Amino acid sequence: MRSKALVAYILAVAGLQLACAQIPRQRISPHETTQASVDGAEISINYGRPTMRGRKIMGALVPYGRIWCPGADEATKLTTSRDLRIGNLLVPAGSYSLWMIPDANDWKLIVNRRADVWHTRHPAQDDLGEVPLEKRSLSSPVEQLTFTVEKNPQGTGGSIRMQWETTEVWVPFLVQ
């Protein structure tokens, strides 16, 4: 009799865990996808768009020197239909999560092989690599975090840009 009760208890707990695992997480911020066709590649970035709401962002809400997922809710996802060379990093066609290490002066972009993760759980063991980002200060604040994928108007390739508060960072890429 005890073994039947134990089996029933284990099945009930397992069923509850399965049911809880399938409940979608509550999104806090609106989500957007930016996309572009660049040199035969379809490139998109899907991300949550948090707002400043009067808060200090860089160096405060987004601390310097620590890994940060630029966005909200699910990790920011880069998808490309063709291989890319982002900075000096070869990124095969597919989907990836994007992470950053912000700093007062120097920023880094981390491309991670796991595309579908939560923005607070960086799976470092799956990092494809990191590249430096260019950075500049904006004269007017950008209220809502914004990504763009832009074609290079002077030739091949393009850039991935992120703006928030008075910070803009970007990295060039080439389609392979």
C-alpha atoms as a PDB file:
ATOM      1  CA  MET A   1       0.000   0.000   0.000  1.00  0.00           C
ATOM      2  CA  ARG A   2       2.840   2.358   0.854  1.00  0.00           C
ATOM      3  CA  SER A   3       4.497   1.840  -2.502  1.00  0.00           C
ATOM      4  CA  LYS A   4       1.263   2.752  -4.337  1.00  0.00           C
ATOM      5  CA  ALA A   5       0.980   5.965  -2.303  1.00  0.00           C
ATOM      6  CA  LEU A   6       4.632   6.806  -3.022  1.00  0.00           C
ATOM      7  CA  VAL A   7       4.147   6.216  -6.759  1.00  0.00           C
ATOM      8  CA  ALA A   8       0.988   8.376  -6.743  1.00  0.00           C
ATOM      9  CA  TYR A   9       2.865  11.149  -4.900  1.00  0.00           C
ATOM     10  CA  ILE A  10       5.807  11.046  -7.350  1.00  0.00           C
ATOM     11  CA  LEU A  11       3.456  11.161 -10.342  1.00  0.00           C
ATOM     12  CA  ALA A  12       1.536  14.098  -8.833  1.00  0.00           C
ATOM     13  CA  VAL A  13       4.749  16.068  -8.203  1.00  0.00           C
ATOM     14  CA  ALA A  14       6.069  15.282 -11.695  1.00  0.00           C
ATOM     15  CA  GLY A  15       2.758  16.359 -13.245  1.00  0.00           C
ATOM     16  CA  LEU A  16       2.786  19.628 -11.289  1.00  0.00           C
ATOM     17  CA  GLN A  17       6.368  20.352 -12.383  1.00  0.00           C
ATOM     18  CA  LEU A  18       5.473  19.667 -16.009  1.00  0.00           C
ATOM     19  CA  ALA A  19       2.408  21.910 -15.819  1.00  0.00           C
ATOM     20  CA  CYS A  20       4.424  24.748 -14.245  1.00  0.00           C
ATOM     21  CA  ALA A  21       7.211  24.404 -16.826  1.00  0.00           C
ATOM     22  CA  GLN A  22       4.717  24.972 -19.633  1.00  0.00           C
ATOM     23  CA  ILE A  23       3.254  28.190 -18.212  1.00  0.00           C
ATOM     24  CA  PRO A  24       4.672  31.024 -20.339  1.00  0.00           C
ATOM     25  CA  ARG A  25       6.606  33.703 -18.502  1.00  0.00           C
ATOM     26  CA  GLN A  26       4.953  37.098 -18.178  1.00  0.00           C
ATOM     27  CA  ARG A  27       6.465  39.635 -20.571  1.00  0.00           C
ATOM     28  CA  ILE A  28       7.195  42.977 -18.965  1.00  0.00           C
ATOM     29  CA  SER A  29       8.164  45.043 -22.017  1.00  0.00           C
ATOM     30  CA  PRO A  30       6.791  45.318 -25.549  1.00  0.00           C
ATOM     31  CA  HIS A  31       8.663  43.232 -28.110  1.00  0.00           C
ATOM     32  CA  GLU A  32       9.807  44.104 -31.582  1.00  0.00           C
ATOM     33  CA  THR A  33      11.644  42.570 -34.503  1.00  0.00           C
ATOM     34  CA  THR A  34      13.923  44.635 -36.689  1.00  0.00           C
ATOM     35  CA  GLN A  35      15.063  43.081 -39.942  1.00  0.00           C
ATOM     36  CA  ALA A  36      16.969  43.838 -43.109  1.00  0.00           C
ATOM     37  CA  SER A  37      18.163  42.184 -46.290  1.00  0.00           C
ATOM     38  CA  VAL A  38      21.881  42.729 -46.642  1.00  0.00           C
ATOM     39  CA  ASP A  39      23.911  41.260 -49.520  1.00  0.00           C
ATOM     40  CA  GLY A  40      21.545  38.287 -49.905  1.00  0.00           C
ATOM     41  CA  ALA A  41      21.185  37.578 -46.176  1.00  0.00           C
ATOM     42  CA  GLU A  42      17.950  37.964 -44.240  1.00  0.00           C
ATOM     43  CA  ILE A  43      18.921  39.247 -40.797  1.00  0.00           C
ATOM     44  CA  SER A  44      16.576  39.901 -37.896  1.00  0.00           C
ATOM     45  CA  ILE A  45      16.828  40.836 -34.240  1.00  0.00           C
ATOM     46  CA  ASN A  46      13.907  40.069 -31.920  1.00  0.00           C
ATOM     47  CA  TYR A  47      14.043  41.787 -28.533  1.00  0.00           C
ATOM     48  CA  GLY A  48      12.137  43.210 -25.596  1.00  0.00           C
ATOM     49  CA  ARG A  49      12.088  47.023 -25.470  1.00  0.00           C
ATOM     50  CA  PRO A  50      12.392  48.348 -21.910  1.00  0.00           C
ATOM     51  CA  THR A  51      11.936  52.090 -21.342  1.00  0.00           C
ATOM     52  CA  MET A  52      13.925  54.574 -19.278  1.00  0.00           C
ATOM     53  CA  ARG A  53      10.895  55.806 -17.274  1.00  0.00           C
ATOM     54  CA  GLY A  54      13.043  58.494 -15.639  1.00  0.00           C
ATOM     55  CA  ARG A  55      15.715  56.029 -14.536  1.00  0.00           C
ATOM     56  CA  LYS A  56      19.482  56.312 -15.021  1.00  0.00           C
ATOM     57  CA  ILE A  57      20.328  53.405 -17.318  1.00  0.00           C
ATOM     58  CA  MET A  58      24.010  53.041 -18.223  1.00  0.00           C
ATOM     59  CA  GLY A  59      26.227  52.470 -15.204  1.00  0.00           C
ATOM     60  CA  ALA A  60      23.179  52.123 -12.908  1.00  0.00           C
ATOM     61  CA  LEU A  61      20.269  49.918 -14.055  1.00  0.00           C
ATOM     62  CA  VAL A  62      22.763  48.422 -16.534  1.00  0.00           C
ATOM     63  CA  PRO A  63      25.922  48.041 -14.408  1.00  0.00           C
ATOM     64  CA  TYR A  64      29.334  48.443 -16.001  1.00  0.00           C
ATOM     65  CA  GLY A  65      31.680  45.485 -16.188  1.00  0.00           C
ATOM     66  CA  ARG A  66      29.004  42.749 -15.982  1.00  0.00           C
ATOM     67  CA  ILE A  67      27.348  40.625 -18.659  1.00  0.00           C
ATOM     68  CA  TRP A  68      24.007  42.109 -19.662  1.00  0.00           C
ATOM     69  CA  CYS A  69      21.355  40.970 -22.104  1.00  0.00           C
ATOM     70  CA  PRO A  70      20.259  44.080 -24.014  1.00  0.00           C
ATOM     71  CA  GLY A  71      16.507  43.756 -23.837  1.00  0.00           C
ATOM     72  CA  ALA A  72      13.862  42.306 -21.591  1.00  0.00           C
ATOM     73  CA  ASP A  73      12.189  38.961 -21.000  1.00  0.00           C
ATOM     74  CA  GLU A  74      13.516  36.389 -23.495  1.00  0.00           C
ATOM     75  CA  ALA A  75      17.124  36.994 -24.516  1.00  0.00           C
ATOM     76  CA  THR A  76      17.643  39.204 -27.551  1.00  0.00           C
ATOM     77  CA  LYS A  77      17.756  36.906 -30.591  1.00  0.00           C
ATOM     78  CA  LEU A  78      19.775  37.395 -33.768  1.00  0.00           C
ATOM     79  CA  THR A  79      18.740  35.254 -36.753  1.00  0.00           C
ATOM     80  CA  THR A  80      20.618  35.168 -40.052  1.00  0.00           C
ATOM     81  CA  SER A  81      19.962  33.162 -43.206  1.00  0.00           C
ATOM     82  CA  ARG A  82      23.640  33.312 -44.243  1.00  0.00           C
ATOM     83  CA  ASP A  83      26.975  33.146 -42.472  1.00  0.00           C
ATOM     84  CA  LEU A  84      28.145  36.505 -41.106  1.00  0.00           C
ATOM     85  CA  ARG A  85      31.498  37.877 -40.053  1.00  0.00           C
ATOM     86  CA  ILE A  86      30.681  40.169 -37.131  1.00  0.00           C
ATOM     87  CA  GLY A  87      33.863  42.039 -36.347  1.00  0.00           C
ATOM     88  CA  ASN A  88      36.390  39.172 -36.438  1.00  0.00           C
ATOM     89  CA  LEU A  89      33.851  36.500 -35.344  1.00  0.00           C
ATOM     90  CA  LEU A  90      32.438  34.001 -37.875  1.00  0.00           C
ATOM     91  CA  VAL A  91      28.724  33.458 -37.122  1.00  0.00           C
ATOM     92  CA  PRO A  92      27.182  30.564 -39.116  1.00  0.00           C
ATOM     93  CA  ALA A  93      23.630  30.914 -40.452  1.00  0.00           C
ATOM     94  CA  GLY A  94      21.119  30.296 -37.659  1.00  0.00           C
ATOM     95  CA  SER A  95      19.795  31.886 -34.470  1.00  0.00           C
ATOM     96  CA  TYR A  96      21.784  33.190 -31.499  1.00  0.00           C
ATOM     97  CA  SER A  97      21.278  35.174 -28.308  1.00  0.00           C
ATOM     98  CA  LEU A  98      23.106  38.497 -27.946  1.00  0.00           C
ATOM     99  CA  TRP A  99      24.773  39.664 -24.733  1.00  0.00           C
ATOM    100  CA  MET A 100      26.950  42.662 -23.953  1.00  0.00           C
ATOM    101  CA  ILE A 101      29.543  43.750 -21.449  1.00  0.00           C
ATOM    102  CA  PRO A 102      29.035  47.512 -21.086  1.00  0.00           C
ATOM    103  CA  ASP A 103      31.680  49.858 -19.751  1.00  0.00           C
ATOM    104  CA  ALA A 104      32.049  53.611 -19.476  1.00  0.00           C
ATOM    105  CA  ASN A 105      34.312  53.481 -22.554  1.00  0.00           C
ATOM    106  CA  ASP A 106      34.711  50.002 -24.063  1.00  0.00           C
ATOM    107  CA  TRP A 107      31.821  47.658 -24.813  1.00  0.00           C
ATOM    108  CA  LYS A 108      31.843  44.034 -26.012  1.00  0.00           C
ATOM    109  CA  LEU A 109      29.215  42.014 -27.879  1.00  0.00           C
ATOM    110  CA  ILE A 110      28.899  38.316 -27.024  1.00  0.00           C
ATOM    111  CA  VAL A 111      27.198  35.961 -29.487  1.00  0.00           C
ATOM    112  CA  ASN A 112      25.821  32.825 -27.831  1.00  0.00           C
ATOM    113  CA  ARG A 113      24.760  29.605 -29.577  1.00  0.00           C
ATOM    114  CA  ARG A 114      21.644  29.231 -27.386  1.00  0.00           C
ATOM    115  CA  ALA A 115      19.000  31.485 -28.896  1.00  0.00           C
ATOM    116  CA  ASP A 116      16.021  30.650 -26.718  1.00  0.00           C
ATOM    117  CA  VAL A 117      17.016  31.533 -23.154  1.00  0.00           C
ATOM    118  CA  TRP A 118      15.756  33.984 -20.533  1.00  0.00           C
ATOM    119  CA  HIS A 119      17.573  37.341 -20.437  1.00  0.00           C
ATOM    120  CA  THR A 120      18.888  36.821 -16.894  1.00  0.00           C
ATOM    121  CA  ARG A 121      20.469  33.402 -17.550  1.00  0.00           C
ATOM    122  CA  HIS A 122      23.602  33.749 -19.667  1.00  0.00           C
ATOM    123  CA  PRO A 123      24.787  30.240 -20.692  1.00  0.00           C
ATOM    124  CA  ALA A 124      28.496  31.157 -20.899  1.00  0.00           C
ATOM    125  CA  GLN A 125      29.500  27.625 -21.923  1.00  0.00           C
ATOM    126  CA  ASP A 126      27.661  28.198 -25.230  1.00  0.00           C
ATOM    127  CA  ASP A 127      29.353  31.496 -26.159  1.00  0.00           C
ATOM    128  CA  LEU A 128      30.461  31.493 -29.795  1.00  0.00           C
ATOM    129  CA  GLY A 129      32.739  34.454 -29.080  1.00  0.00           C
ATOM    130  CA  GLU A 130      32.922  38.168 -28.393  1.00  0.00           C
ATOM    131  CA  VAL A 131      33.849  41.270 -30.360  1.00  0.00           C
ATOM    132  CA  PRO A 132      34.426  44.901 -29.415  1.00  0.00           C
ATOM    133  CA  LEU A 133      31.636  47.387 -30.078  1.00  0.00           C
ATOM    134  CA  GLU A 134      32.058  50.958 -31.269  1.00  0.00           C
ATOM    135  CA  LYS A 135      30.466  53.474 -28.881  1.00  0.00           C
ATOM    136  CA  ARG A 136      29.364  57.081 -28.971  1.00  0.00           C
ATOM    137  CA  SER A 137      27.256  59.392 -26.836  1.00  0.00           C
ATOM    138  CA  LEU A 138      23.961  60.672 -28.216  1.00  0.00           C
ATOM    139  CA  SER A 139      22.945  64.307 -27.776  1.00  0.00           C
ATOM    140  CA  SER A 140      19.290  63.387 -27.106  1.00  0.00           C
ATOM    141  CA  PRO A 141      18.195  60.425 -24.974  1.00  0.00           C
ATOM    142  CA  VAL A 142      16.466  57.440 -26.561  1.00  0.00           C
ATOM    143  CA  GLU A 143      13.586  56.498 -24.201  1.00  0.00           C
ATOM    144  CA  GLN A 144      13.103  52.922 -25.386  1.00  0.00           C
ATOM    145  CA  LEU A 145      15.891  50.435 -26.136  1.00  0.00           C
ATOM    146  CA  THR A 146      16.200  50.204 -29.920  1.00  0.00           C
ATOM    147  CA  PHE A 147      18.082  47.843 -32.241  1.00  0.00           C
ATOM    148  CA  THR A 148      18.594  48.339 -35.967  1.00  0.00           C
ATOM    149  CA  VAL A 149      20.214  46.289 -38.704  1.00  0.00           C
ATOM    150  CA  GLU A 150      21.536  48.599 -41.412  1.00  0.00           C
ATOM    151  CA  LYS A 151      23.084  48.019 -44.822  1.00  0.00           C
ATOM    152  CA  ASN A 152      26.371  49.805 -45.422  1.00  0.00           C
ATOM    153  CA  PRO A 153      25.459  52.666 -47.818  1.00  0.00           C
ATOM    154  CA  GLN A 154      29.060  52.807 -49.099  1.00  0.00           C
ATOM    155  CA  GLY A 155      29.471  49.158 -50.067  1.00  0.00           C
ATOM    156  CA  THR A 156      29.115  45.623 -48.789  1.00  0.00           C
ATOM    157  CA  GLY A 157      28.023  44.486 -45.364  1.00  0.00           C
ATOM    158  CA  GLY A 158      26.248  46.458 -42.725  1.00  0.00           C
ATOM    159  CA  SER A 159      26.035  47.108 -39.001  1.00  0.00           C
ATOM    160  CA  ILE A 160      24.071  46.052 -35.956  1.00  0.00           C
ATOM    161  CA  ARG A 161      23.219  49.045 -33.737  1.00  0.00           C
ATOM    162  CA  MET A 162      21.723  49.467 -30.299  1.00  0.00           C
ATOM    163  CA  GLN A 163      20.625  52.775 -28.755  1.00  0.00           C
ATOM    164  CA  TRP A 164      19.335  53.477 -25.271  1.00  0.00           C
ATOM    165  CA  GLU A 165      19.486  56.501 -23.015  1.00  0.00           C
ATOM    166  CA  THR A 166      22.382  58.554 -24.454  1.00  0.00           C
ATOM    167  CA  THR A 167      24.452  55.574 -25.612  1.00  0.00           C
ATOM    168  CA  GLU A 168      24.800  54.091 -29.079  1.00  0.00           C
ATOM    169  CA  VAL A 169      26.922  51.002 -29.753  1.00  0.00           C
ATOM    170  CA  TRP A 170      27.431  49.178 -33.034  1.00  0.00           C
ATOM    171  CA  VAL A 171      29.479  46.569 -34.805  1.00  0.00           C
ATOM    172  CA  PRO A 172      30.055  46.108 -38.552  1.00  0.00           C
ATOM    173  CA  PHE A 173      29.384  42.783 -40.258  1.00  0.00           C
ATOM    174  CA  LEU A 174      29.993  41.168 -43.637  1.00  0.00           C
ATOM    175  CA  VAL A 175      27.892  38.467 -45.291  1.00  0.00           C
ATOM    176  CA  GLN A 176      30.093  35.447 -46.077  1.00  0.00           C
END
